[in-house]
Amino acid sequence: MVKIKEAIVVEGRYDKNTLSQIVDAPILETAGFGIFKDKQQLKLLRKVAQTRGLIVFTDADGAGFVIRNYIKSAIPGKYLKHAYIPDIPGKERRKAAPGKEGKLGVEGMTPEIILQALRNAGATIEGETEKRTAGAITKADLMALGLAGIPGSEEKRKKLMKHLDFPERMSPNALLQALNLLFSLEELETILDTL
């Protein structure tokens, strides 16, 4: 069991059950789209985020990104970290059929993938040394590398995200955050050279 300082917010109880077998951290639920109507839950998430930090850990499908973006708009970014699972086709064991987009959610991920996603998000894990700070990649760097702001940049970004096993729905800003958590500018340039 890995002890994490920050609280984690997930979409539902099955996600919470999966995480509670892997990490020792407070795990809160949005009740899916219920978060849009539950002002008390949102108030609690804000308070927890300000007190100990909050890791947003939603599915890689459209609904997960809607919930993630709602939380991002309601809580200042300095209190949030974002964990992303890769796009893996399949269905969870408890379900008769795959979800609308045919992707596994947080509940369907292996413990290794979940822990890697939390590490990539910058989770504060007890007993692990602080993660090295990668070189600061800027939006201007993304433009210079052809990943933003020019014709064909969206295709190049999608190719990079697929290569890095990132969710296909990541916005350029979310991609920038993830790249800065994982790579220096030089490492990113090397990766792009191999594509």
N, C-alpha and C. Protein backbone atom coordinates (compact mmCIF):
# COMPACT_ATOMS: atom_id res chain seq x y z
N MET A 1 0.85 -1.18 0.00
CA MET A 1 0.00 0.00 0.00
C MET A 1 0.89 1.24 0.00
N VAL A 2 0.65 2.12 -0.95
CA VAL A 2 1.45 3.33 -1.11
C VAL A 2 0.72 4.50 -0.45
N LYS A 3 1.44 5.21 0.43
CA LYS A 3 0.83 6.34 1.14
C LYS A 3 1.07 7.63 0.37
N ILE A 4 -0.03 8.34 0.09
CA ILE A 4 0.03 9.58 -0.68
C ILE A 4 -0.50 10.73 0.17
N LYS A 5 0.20 11.86 0.14
CA LYS A 5 -0.17 13.02 0.95
C LYS A 5 -1.47 13.66 0.47
N GLU A 6 -1.60 13.86 -0.85
CA GLU A 6 -2.77 14.53 -1.39
C GLU A 6 -4.01 13.64 -1.31
N ALA A 7 -5.17 14.28 -1.35
CA ALA A 7 -6.43 13.55 -1.52
C ALA A 7 -6.61 13.30 -3.02
N ILE A 8 -7.41 12.31 -3.35
CA ILE A 8 -7.66 11.95 -4.74
C ILE A 8 -9.16 12.02 -4.99
N VAL A 9 -9.55 12.63 -6.10
CA VAL A 9 -10.98 12.64 -6.46
C VAL A 9 -11.16 11.79 -7.71
N VAL A 10 -12.15 10.88 -7.63
CA VAL A 10 -12.47 9.98 -8.74
C VAL A 10 -13.95 10.14 -9.08
N GLU A 11 -14.36 9.50 -10.17
CA GLU A 11 -15.75 9.65 -10.61
C GLU A 11 -16.75 8.88 -9.75
N GLY A 12 -16.44 7.64 -9.39
CA GLY A 12 -17.45 6.84 -8.71
C GLY A 12 -16.89 5.81 -7.75
N ARG A 13 -17.81 5.04 -7.16
CA ARG A 13 -17.42 4.11 -6.08
C ARG A 13 -16.53 2.97 -6.56
N TYR A 14 -16.69 2.53 -7.81
CA TYR A 14 -15.84 1.44 -8.29
C TYR A 14 -14.39 1.92 -8.48
N ASP A 15 -14.24 3.16 -8.93
CA ASP A 15 -12.91 3.76 -9.02
C ASP A 15 -12.31 3.87 -7.62
N LYS A 16 -13.13 4.32 -6.69
CA LYS A 16 -12.67 4.47 -5.29
C LYS A 16 -12.25 3.13 -4.72
N ASN A 17 -13.04 2.08 -4.96
CA ASN A 17 -12.70 0.74 -4.47
C ASN A 17 -11.36 0.27 -5.02
N THR A 18 -11.15 0.48 -6.33
CA THR A 18 -9.90 0.06 -6.95
C THR A 18 -8.71 0.80 -6.33
N LEU A 19 -8.82 2.13 -6.21
CA LEU A 19 -7.72 2.92 -5.65
C LEU A 19 -7.46 2.58 -4.19
N SER A 20 -8.51 2.33 -3.42
CA SER A 20 -8.34 2.07 -1.99
C SER A 20 -7.58 0.78 -1.72
N GLN A 21 -7.48 -0.10 -2.72
CA GLN A 21 -6.68 -1.33 -2.58
C GLN A 21 -5.21 -1.09 -2.90
N ILE A 22 -4.90 0.08 -3.47
CA ILE A 22 -3.55 0.36 -3.94
C ILE A 22 -2.88 1.48 -3.16
N VAL A 23 -3.65 2.51 -2.81
CA VAL A 23 -3.08 3.68 -2.14
C VAL A 23 -3.75 3.94 -0.81
N ASP A 24 -2.96 4.51 0.09
CA ASP A 24 -3.46 4.98 1.38
C ASP A 24 -3.54 6.50 1.26
N ALA A 25 -4.74 6.98 0.95
CA ALA A 25 -4.99 8.41 0.78
C ALA A 25 -6.49 8.62 0.88
N PRO A 26 -6.92 9.84 1.26
CA PRO A 26 -8.35 10.11 1.21
C PRO A 26 -8.81 10.08 -0.25
N ILE A 27 -9.88 9.36 -0.51
CA ILE A 27 -10.41 9.25 -1.88
C ILE A 27 -11.85 9.74 -1.86
N LEU A 28 -12.12 10.76 -2.65
CA LEU A 28 -13.45 11.35 -2.72
C LEU A 28 -14.07 11.06 -4.08
N GLU A 29 -15.40 11.04 -4.13
CA GLU A 29 -16.11 10.75 -5.38
C GLU A 29 -16.87 11.97 -5.87
N THR A 30 -17.02 12.06 -7.19
CA THR A 30 -17.86 13.12 -7.76
C THR A 30 -19.28 12.62 -8.00
N ALA A 31 -19.51 11.32 -7.86
CA ALA A 31 -20.79 10.70 -8.23
C ALA A 31 -21.08 10.99 -9.70
N GLY A 32 -20.04 10.84 -10.51
CA GLY A 32 -20.18 11.11 -11.94
C GLY A 32 -20.55 12.57 -12.16
N PHE A 33 -21.58 12.80 -12.96
CA PHE A 33 -22.02 14.16 -13.23
C PHE A 33 -22.76 14.77 -12.04
N GLY A 34 -22.94 14.00 -10.97
CA GLY A 34 -23.60 14.51 -9.77
C GLY A 34 -22.88 15.72 -9.19
N ILE A 35 -21.59 15.84 -9.46
CA ILE A 35 -20.80 16.97 -8.96
C ILE A 35 -21.35 18.30 -9.47
N PHE A 36 -22.00 18.30 -10.62
CA PHE A 36 -22.52 19.55 -11.19
C PHE A 36 -23.65 20.13 -10.34
N LYS A 37 -24.38 19.26 -9.64
CA LYS A 37 -25.52 19.72 -8.83
C LYS A 37 -25.20 19.79 -7.34
N ASP A 38 -24.15 19.10 -6.92
CA ASP A 38 -23.85 18.99 -5.49
C ASP A 38 -22.85 20.07 -5.06
N LYS A 39 -23.37 21.20 -4.67
CA LYS A 39 -22.52 22.34 -4.26
C LYS A 39 -21.74 22.03 -2.98
N GLN A 40 -22.31 21.22 -2.11
CA GLN A 40 -21.63 20.85 -0.86
C GLN A 40 -20.39 20.00 -1.15
N GLN A 41 -20.53 19.06 -2.09
CA GLN A 41 -19.39 18.22 -2.46
C GLN A 41 -18.28 19.07 -3.08
N LEU A 42 -18.66 20.02 -3.93
CA LEU A 42 -17.67 20.90 -4.56
C LEU A 42 -16.98 21.75 -3.49
N LYS A 43 -17.74 22.22 -2.52
CA LYS A 43 -17.18 23.02 -1.42
C LYS A 43 -16.18 22.17 -0.63
N LEU A 44 -16.52 20.91 -0.40
CA LEU A 44 -15.61 20.00 0.30
C LEU A 44 -14.33 19.79 -0.51
N LEU A 45 -14.47 19.58 -1.82
CA LEU A 45 -13.29 19.39 -2.67
C LEU A 45 -12.38 20.61 -2.61
N ARG A 46 -12.97 21.81 -2.63
CA ARG A 46 -12.17 23.05 -2.55
C ARG A 46 -11.39 23.10 -1.23
N LYS A 47 -12.08 22.79 -0.14
CA LYS A 47 -11.46 22.85 1.18
C LYS A 47 -10.32 21.83 1.30
N VAL A 48 -10.57 20.61 0.82
CA VAL A 48 -9.55 19.56 0.85
C VAL A 48 -8.36 19.97 -0.01
N ALA A 49 -8.64 20.51 -1.20
CA ALA A 49 -7.57 20.93 -2.12
C ALA A 49 -6.69 21.99 -1.47
N GLN A 50 -7.29 22.95 -0.78
CA GLN A 50 -6.52 24.02 -0.14
C GLN A 50 -5.73 23.51 1.06
N THR A 51 -6.24 22.48 1.72
CA THR A 51 -5.60 21.95 2.92
C THR A 51 -4.45 21.00 2.62
N ARG A 52 -4.69 20.04 1.71
CA ARG A 52 -3.67 19.02 1.48
C ARG A 52 -3.33 18.76 0.02
N GLY A 53 -4.02 19.45 -0.89
CA GLY A 53 -3.81 19.21 -2.32
C GLY A 53 -4.77 18.16 -2.81
N LEU A 54 -5.09 18.21 -4.10
CA LEU A 54 -6.07 17.30 -4.67
C LEU A 54 -5.57 16.79 -6.02
N ILE A 55 -5.63 15.47 -6.18
CA ILE A 55 -5.27 14.85 -7.45
C ILE A 55 -6.57 14.47 -8.15
N VAL A 56 -6.78 15.02 -9.34
CA VAL A 56 -7.98 14.71 -10.14
C VAL A 56 -7.64 13.48 -10.97
N PHE A 57 -8.40 12.40 -10.76
CA PHE A 57 -8.10 11.12 -11.41
C PHE A 57 -9.39 10.57 -12.04
N THR A 58 -9.71 11.07 -13.24
CA THR A 58 -10.93 10.65 -13.92
C THR A 58 -10.59 9.76 -15.10
N ASP A 59 -11.62 9.14 -15.67
CA ASP A 59 -11.43 8.27 -16.83
C ASP A 59 -10.95 9.07 -18.03
N ALA A 60 -10.45 8.36 -19.03
CA ALA A 60 -9.90 9.00 -20.23
C ALA A 60 -10.97 9.22 -21.30
N ASP A 61 -12.24 8.99 -20.96
CA ASP A 61 -13.30 9.20 -21.95
C ASP A 61 -13.83 10.63 -21.88
N GLY A 62 -14.78 10.92 -22.75
CA GLY A 62 -15.34 12.27 -22.81
C GLY A 62 -15.94 12.72 -21.48
N ALA A 63 -16.69 11.84 -20.82
CA ALA A 63 -17.32 12.19 -19.53
C ALA A 63 -16.25 12.52 -18.49
N GLY A 64 -15.19 11.75 -18.46
CA GLY A 64 -14.10 12.00 -17.50
C GLY A 64 -13.47 13.36 -17.70
N PHE A 65 -13.31 13.76 -18.98
CA PHE A 65 -12.70 15.06 -19.25
C PHE A 65 -13.66 16.21 -18.95
N VAL A 66 -14.96 15.99 -19.10
CA VAL A 66 -15.94 17.02 -18.73
C VAL A 66 -15.88 17.26 -17.22
N ILE A 67 -15.85 16.17 -16.45
CA ILE A 67 -15.77 16.28 -14.99
C ILE A 67 -14.45 16.94 -14.57
N ARG A 68 -13.34 16.50 -15.18
CA ARG A 68 -12.02 17.08 -14.87
C ARG A 68 -12.02 18.58 -15.13
N ASN A 69 -12.56 18.99 -16.29
CA ASN A 69 -12.56 20.41 -16.64
C ASN A 69 -13.46 21.22 -15.72
N TYR A 70 -14.54 20.62 -15.26
CA TYR A 70 -15.42 21.31 -14.30
C TYR A 70 -14.66 21.58 -13.00
N ILE A 71 -13.95 20.57 -12.52
CA ILE A 71 -13.18 20.74 -11.28
C ILE A 71 -12.07 21.77 -11.50
N LYS A 72 -11.39 21.71 -12.66
CA LYS A 72 -10.34 22.69 -12.97
C LYS A 72 -10.87 24.11 -12.97
N SER A 73 -12.11 24.29 -13.42
CA SER A 73 -12.67 25.64 -13.47
C SER A 73 -13.15 26.12 -12.10
N ALA A 74 -13.37 25.18 -11.17
CA ALA A 74 -13.93 25.54 -9.87
C ALA A 74 -12.89 25.67 -8.76
N ILE A 75 -11.71 25.09 -8.97
CA ILE A 75 -10.66 25.08 -7.93
C ILE A 75 -9.38 25.64 -8.54
N PRO A 76 -8.71 26.57 -7.85
CA PRO A 76 -7.47 27.14 -8.39
C PRO A 76 -6.43 26.05 -8.70
N GLY A 77 -5.78 26.19 -9.85
CA GLY A 77 -4.82 25.21 -10.33
C GLY A 77 -3.66 24.93 -9.39
N LYS A 78 -3.30 25.91 -8.55
CA LYS A 78 -2.16 25.69 -7.65
C LYS A 78 -2.44 24.60 -6.62
N TYR A 79 -3.71 24.23 -6.43
CA TYR A 79 -4.06 23.18 -5.47
C TYR A 79 -4.30 21.83 -6.13
N LEU A 80 -4.23 21.78 -7.47
CA LEU A 80 -4.60 20.57 -8.20
C LEU A 80 -3.41 19.92 -8.89
N LYS A 81 -3.48 18.60 -8.96
CA LYS A 81 -2.58 17.80 -9.80
C LYS A 81 -3.49 16.91 -10.63
N HIS A 82 -3.06 16.55 -11.82
CA HIS A 82 -3.90 15.76 -12.71
C HIS A 82 -3.24 14.45 -13.08
N ALA A 83 -3.91 13.34 -12.74
CA ALA A 83 -3.44 12.01 -13.10
C ALA A 83 -4.24 11.53 -14.30
N TYR A 84 -3.55 11.03 -15.30
CA TYR A 84 -4.19 10.56 -16.53
C TYR A 84 -3.90 9.08 -16.75
N ILE A 85 -4.94 8.34 -17.07
CA ILE A 85 -4.74 6.94 -17.45
C ILE A 85 -4.63 6.87 -18.97
N PRO A 86 -3.93 5.87 -19.48
CA PRO A 86 -3.82 5.74 -20.94
C PRO A 86 -5.14 5.25 -21.55
N ASP A 87 -5.29 5.48 -22.84
CA ASP A 87 -6.45 4.95 -23.57
C ASP A 87 -6.21 3.48 -23.84
N ILE A 88 -6.93 2.63 -23.11
CA ILE A 88 -6.80 1.19 -23.31
C ILE A 88 -8.19 0.64 -23.65
N PRO A 89 -8.33 0.03 -24.83
CA PRO A 89 -9.64 -0.51 -25.18
C PRO A 89 -10.01 -1.69 -24.28
N GLY A 90 -11.29 -1.82 -24.00
CA GLY A 90 -11.74 -2.95 -23.20
C GLY A 90 -12.95 -2.59 -22.37
N LYS A 91 -13.31 -3.54 -21.47
CA LYS A 91 -14.42 -3.30 -20.55
C LYS A 91 -14.04 -3.83 -19.17
N GLU A 92 -14.65 -3.24 -18.16
CA GLU A 92 -14.39 -3.68 -16.80
C GLU A 92 -15.09 -5.03 -16.57
N ARG A 93 -14.55 -5.82 -15.64
CA ARG A 93 -15.09 -7.17 -15.37
C ARG A 93 -16.57 -7.15 -14.99
N ARG A 94 -16.96 -6.16 -14.22
CA ARG A 94 -18.33 -6.13 -13.71
C ARG A 94 -19.36 -5.75 -14.77
N LYS A 95 -18.90 -5.23 -15.90
CA LYS A 95 -19.81 -4.75 -16.94
C LYS A 95 -20.07 -5.81 -18.00
N ALA A 96 -21.30 -5.81 -18.52
CA ALA A 96 -21.66 -6.76 -19.57
C ALA A 96 -21.10 -6.32 -20.92
N ALA A 97 -20.97 -5.00 -21.10
CA ALA A 97 -20.48 -4.47 -22.38
C ALA A 97 -19.56 -3.29 -22.10
N PRO A 98 -18.66 -2.97 -23.04
CA PRO A 98 -17.79 -1.80 -22.85
C PRO A 98 -18.60 -0.51 -22.80
N GLY A 99 -17.99 0.54 -22.27
CA GLY A 99 -18.61 1.86 -22.25
C GLY A 99 -18.76 2.40 -23.66
N LYS A 100 -19.39 3.56 -23.76
CA LYS A 100 -19.70 4.16 -25.06
C LYS A 100 -18.47 4.29 -25.95
N GLU A 101 -17.32 4.68 -25.37
CA GLU A 101 -16.11 4.87 -26.16
C GLU A 101 -15.22 3.63 -26.22
N GLY A 102 -15.63 2.57 -25.50
CA GLY A 102 -14.89 1.31 -25.54
C GLY A 102 -13.56 1.31 -24.83
N LYS A 103 -13.39 2.22 -23.85
CA LYS A 103 -12.12 2.33 -23.13
C LYS A 103 -12.29 1.89 -21.68
N LEU A 104 -11.22 1.33 -21.14
CA LEU A 104 -11.21 1.02 -19.71
C LEU A 104 -11.16 2.32 -18.91
N GLY A 105 -11.85 2.31 -17.77
CA GLY A 105 -11.80 3.46 -16.88
C GLY A 105 -10.76 3.23 -15.79
N VAL A 106 -10.73 4.11 -14.82
CA VAL A 106 -9.79 3.99 -13.70
C VAL A 106 -9.93 2.63 -13.04
N GLU A 107 -11.18 2.18 -12.84
CA GLU A 107 -11.40 0.90 -12.15
C GLU A 107 -10.82 -0.29 -12.89
N GLY A 108 -10.61 -0.17 -14.20
CA GLY A 108 -10.10 -1.29 -14.99
C GLY A 108 -8.58 -1.30 -15.15
N MET A 109 -7.91 -0.32 -14.56
CA MET A 109 -6.45 -0.23 -14.70
C MET A 109 -5.73 -1.15 -13.70
N THR A 110 -4.53 -1.57 -14.07
CA THR A 110 -3.72 -2.38 -13.17
C THR A 110 -3.11 -1.48 -12.10
N PRO A 111 -2.72 -2.06 -10.96
CA PRO A 111 -2.06 -1.24 -9.93
C PRO A 111 -0.82 -0.51 -10.45
N GLU A 112 -0.07 -1.15 -11.35
CA GLU A 112 1.14 -0.52 -11.90
C GLU A 112 0.80 0.73 -12.70
N ILE A 113 -0.24 0.65 -13.51
CA ILE A 113 -0.64 1.81 -14.32
C ILE A 113 -1.14 2.93 -13.42
N ILE A 114 -1.92 2.58 -12.41
CA ILE A 114 -2.45 3.59 -11.49
C ILE A 114 -1.31 4.29 -10.75
N LEU A 115 -0.36 3.53 -10.24
CA LEU A 115 0.76 4.14 -9.51
C LEU A 115 1.61 5.01 -10.44
N GLN A 116 1.82 4.56 -11.68
CA GLN A 116 2.59 5.36 -12.62
C GLN A 116 1.87 6.66 -12.93
N ALA A 117 0.56 6.59 -13.11
CA ALA A 117 -0.23 7.80 -13.39
C ALA A 117 -0.13 8.79 -12.22
N LEU A 118 -0.17 8.28 -11.00
CA LEU A 118 -0.05 9.14 -9.82
C LEU A 118 1.35 9.75 -9.73
N ARG A 119 2.37 8.94 -10.01
CA ARG A 119 3.74 9.48 -10.01
C ARG A 119 3.90 10.55 -11.09
N ASN A 120 3.36 10.27 -12.28
CA ASN A 120 3.45 11.23 -13.38
C ASN A 120 2.74 12.54 -13.04
N ALA A 121 1.70 12.45 -12.22
CA ALA A 121 0.96 13.66 -11.82
C ALA A 121 1.72 14.47 -10.78
N GLY A 122 2.77 13.87 -10.21
CA GLY A 122 3.53 14.59 -9.18
C GLY A 122 3.03 14.34 -7.78
N ALA A 123 2.33 13.21 -7.58
CA ALA A 123 1.82 12.88 -6.24
C ALA A 123 2.97 12.82 -5.24
N THR A 124 2.70 13.28 -4.03
CA THR A 124 3.69 13.22 -2.96
C THR A 124 3.57 11.87 -2.29
N ILE A 125 4.50 10.96 -2.61
CA ILE A 125 4.45 9.59 -2.12
C ILE A 125 5.44 9.43 -0.97
N GLU A 126 4.93 8.97 0.17
CA GLU A 126 5.76 8.80 1.35
C GLU A 126 6.88 7.80 1.08
N GLY A 127 8.10 8.19 1.45
CA GLY A 127 9.24 7.30 1.30
C GLY A 127 9.95 7.42 -0.03
N GLU A 128 9.40 8.17 -0.97
CA GLU A 128 10.08 8.36 -2.25
C GLU A 128 10.72 9.74 -2.26
N THR A 129 11.87 9.82 -2.86
CA THR A 129 12.53 11.12 -2.95
C THR A 129 11.76 11.99 -3.91
N GLU A 130 11.96 13.27 -3.77
CA GLU A 130 11.27 14.21 -4.65
C GLU A 130 11.64 13.95 -6.10
N LYS A 131 10.66 14.01 -6.96
CA LYS A 131 10.89 13.81 -8.40
C LYS A 131 11.74 14.97 -8.92
N ARG A 132 12.67 14.63 -9.82
CA ARG A 132 13.51 15.67 -10.40
C ARG A 132 12.62 16.67 -11.13
N THR A 133 13.02 17.89 -11.12
CA THR A 133 12.24 18.88 -11.86
C THR A 133 12.73 18.88 -13.29
N ALA A 134 11.82 18.61 -14.19
CA ALA A 134 12.18 18.59 -15.60
C ALA A 134 12.34 20.03 -16.08
N GLY A 135 13.06 20.19 -17.19
CA GLY A 135 13.22 21.52 -17.76
C GLY A 135 11.87 22.11 -18.11
N ALA A 136 11.75 23.38 -17.94
CA ALA A 136 10.47 24.03 -18.19
C ALA A 136 10.21 24.14 -19.68
N ILE A 137 9.24 23.36 -20.15
CA ILE A 137 8.82 23.42 -21.54
C ILE A 137 7.70 24.45 -21.59
N THR A 138 7.78 25.38 -22.52
CA THR A 138 6.80 26.45 -22.61
C THR A 138 5.87 26.25 -23.81
N LYS A 139 4.82 27.06 -23.86
CA LYS A 139 3.93 27.03 -25.04
C LYS A 139 4.71 27.42 -26.29
N ALA A 140 5.64 28.34 -26.14
CA ALA A 140 6.47 28.74 -27.28
C ALA A 140 7.29 27.55 -27.79
N ASP A 141 7.77 26.71 -26.87
CA ASP A 141 8.50 25.51 -27.27
C ASP A 141 7.60 24.57 -28.07
N LEU A 142 6.34 24.42 -27.60
CA LEU A 142 5.41 23.55 -28.33
C LEU A 142 5.20 24.07 -29.75
N MET A 143 5.11 25.40 -29.89
CA MET A 143 4.95 25.98 -31.22
C MET A 143 6.20 25.74 -32.06
N ALA A 144 7.37 25.97 -31.48
CA ALA A 144 8.62 25.79 -32.21
C ALA A 144 8.82 24.33 -32.64
N LEU A 145 8.29 23.40 -31.84
CA LEU A 145 8.42 21.98 -32.16
C LEU A 145 7.30 21.49 -33.08
N GLY A 146 6.39 22.41 -33.46
CA GLY A 146 5.30 22.04 -34.36
C GLY A 146 4.15 21.33 -33.69
N LEU A 147 4.06 21.45 -32.35
CA LEU A 147 2.99 20.78 -31.62
C LEU A 147 1.79 21.68 -31.33
N ALA A 148 1.89 22.94 -31.68
CA ALA A 148 0.79 23.87 -31.42
C ALA A 148 0.89 25.06 -32.37
N GLY A 149 -0.28 25.59 -32.74
CA GLY A 149 -0.35 26.86 -33.44
C GLY A 149 0.01 26.90 -34.91
N ILE A 150 0.27 25.75 -35.51
CA ILE A 150 0.58 25.75 -36.95
C ILE A 150 -0.22 24.65 -37.63
N PRO A 151 -0.38 24.74 -38.94
CA PRO A 151 -1.09 23.66 -39.64
C PRO A 151 -0.39 22.31 -39.41
N GLY A 152 -1.17 21.30 -39.10
CA GLY A 152 -0.61 19.96 -38.86
C GLY A 152 -0.20 19.70 -37.42
N SER A 153 -0.28 20.73 -36.57
CA SER A 153 0.18 20.54 -35.19
C SER A 153 -0.72 19.58 -34.41
N GLU A 154 -2.01 19.60 -34.70
CA GLU A 154 -2.92 18.70 -33.98
C GLU A 154 -2.57 17.24 -34.28
N GLU A 155 -2.29 16.93 -35.54
CA GLU A 155 -1.92 15.56 -35.91
C GLU A 155 -0.61 15.15 -35.23
N LYS A 156 0.36 16.07 -35.22
CA LYS A 156 1.65 15.78 -34.60
C LYS A 156 1.48 15.56 -33.10
N ARG A 157 0.62 16.39 -32.47
CA ARG A 157 0.35 16.25 -31.04
C ARG A 157 -0.29 14.90 -30.75
N LYS A 158 -1.26 14.50 -31.58
CA LYS A 158 -1.93 13.21 -31.38
C LYS A 158 -0.96 12.05 -31.54
N LYS A 159 -0.06 12.15 -32.50
CA LYS A 159 0.95 11.10 -32.70
C LYS A 159 1.86 10.99 -31.47
N LEU A 160 2.27 12.15 -30.93
CA LEU A 160 3.10 12.16 -29.73
C LEU A 160 2.35 11.56 -28.55
N MET A 161 1.09 11.96 -28.35
CA MET A 161 0.31 11.45 -27.22
C MET A 161 0.12 9.95 -27.32
N LYS A 162 -0.11 9.46 -28.54
CA LYS A 162 -0.26 8.01 -28.73
C LYS A 162 1.06 7.30 -28.39
N HIS A 163 2.17 7.86 -28.86
CA HIS A 163 3.49 7.29 -28.59
C HIS A 163 3.78 7.25 -27.08
N LEU A 164 3.39 8.30 -26.36
CA LEU A 164 3.65 8.39 -24.92
C LEU A 164 2.58 7.71 -24.09
N ASP A 165 1.55 7.15 -24.75
CA ASP A 165 0.45 6.48 -24.08
C ASP A 165 -0.35 7.44 -23.21
N PHE A 166 -0.53 8.68 -23.71
CA PHE A 166 -1.35 9.68 -23.03
C PHE A 166 -2.77 9.59 -23.58
N PRO A 167 -3.77 10.05 -22.81
CA PRO A 167 -5.15 10.04 -23.31
C PRO A 167 -5.28 10.92 -24.56
N GLU A 168 -6.07 10.47 -25.52
CA GLU A 168 -6.22 11.21 -26.78
C GLU A 168 -6.94 12.54 -26.62
N ARG A 169 -7.67 12.75 -25.54
CA ARG A 169 -8.45 13.97 -25.36
C ARG A 169 -7.71 15.06 -24.57
N MET A 170 -6.45 14.88 -24.30
CA MET A 170 -5.72 15.90 -23.55
C MET A 170 -5.67 17.20 -24.34
N SER A 171 -5.94 18.30 -23.65
CA SER A 171 -5.81 19.61 -24.30
C SER A 171 -4.33 19.94 -24.43
N PRO A 172 -3.98 20.91 -25.27
CA PRO A 172 -2.57 21.31 -25.35
C PRO A 172 -2.00 21.74 -23.99
N ASN A 173 -2.82 22.42 -23.17
CA ASN A 173 -2.35 22.83 -21.84
C ASN A 173 -2.10 21.63 -20.92
N ALA A 174 -2.99 20.64 -20.98
CA ALA A 174 -2.80 19.44 -20.17
C ALA A 174 -1.57 18.67 -20.66
N LEU A 175 -1.37 18.62 -21.97
CA LEU A 175 -0.19 17.98 -22.53
C LEU A 175 1.07 18.68 -22.04
N LEU A 176 1.06 20.01 -22.07
CA LEU A 176 2.20 20.79 -21.61
C LEU A 176 2.53 20.47 -20.15
N GLN A 177 1.49 20.40 -19.31
CA GLN A 177 1.70 20.08 -17.90
C GLN A 177 2.32 18.69 -17.75
N ALA A 178 1.76 17.71 -18.46
CA ALA A 178 2.28 16.35 -18.37
C ALA A 178 3.71 16.26 -18.86
N LEU A 179 4.01 16.93 -19.98
CA LEU A 179 5.38 16.92 -20.51
C LEU A 179 6.35 17.52 -19.50
N ASN A 180 5.96 18.61 -18.85
CA ASN A 180 6.84 19.25 -17.86
C ASN A 180 7.06 18.39 -16.63
N LEU A 181 6.10 17.53 -16.31
CA LEU A 181 6.28 16.63 -15.17
C LEU A 181 7.23 15.49 -15.51
N LEU A 182 7.31 15.14 -16.78
CA LEU A 182 8.03 13.93 -17.17
C LEU A 182 9.35 14.14 -17.90
N PHE A 183 9.47 15.25 -18.65
CA PHE A 183 10.61 15.39 -19.54
C PHE A 183 11.24 16.78 -19.48
N SER A 184 12.49 16.84 -19.87
CA SER A 184 13.13 18.12 -20.12
C SER A 184 12.86 18.46 -21.59
N LEU A 185 13.15 19.68 -21.98
CA LEU A 185 12.97 20.08 -23.38
C LEU A 185 13.84 19.21 -24.29
N GLU A 186 15.05 18.93 -23.85
CA GLU A 186 15.97 18.11 -24.65
C GLU A 186 15.41 16.69 -24.83
N GLU A 187 14.86 16.12 -23.76
CA GLU A 187 14.28 14.78 -23.86
C GLU A 187 13.08 14.77 -24.82
N LEU A 188 12.26 15.82 -24.75
CA LEU A 188 11.12 15.91 -25.66
C LEU A 188 11.59 16.00 -27.11
N GLU A 189 12.62 16.80 -27.35
CA GLU A 189 13.15 16.92 -28.71
C GLU A 189 13.65 15.57 -29.23
N THR A 190 14.30 14.80 -28.36
CA THR A 190 14.79 13.46 -28.74
C THR A 190 13.64 12.55 -29.09
N ILE A 191 12.57 12.59 -28.29
CA ILE A 191 11.40 11.76 -28.56
C ILE A 191 10.80 12.13 -29.91
N LEU A 192 10.67 13.42 -30.16
CA LEU A 192 10.08 13.87 -31.43
C LEU A 192 10.94 13.46 -32.62
N ASP A 193 12.26 13.44 -32.44
CA ASP A 193 13.15 13.02 -33.52
C ASP A 193 12.92 11.56 -33.90
N THR A 194 12.52 10.74 -32.93
CA THR A 194 12.30 9.31 -33.19
C THR A 194 10.97 9.04 -33.85
N LEU A 195 10.05 10.01 -33.79
CA LEU A 195 8.70 9.78 -34.36
C LEU A 195 8.71 9.91 -35.87
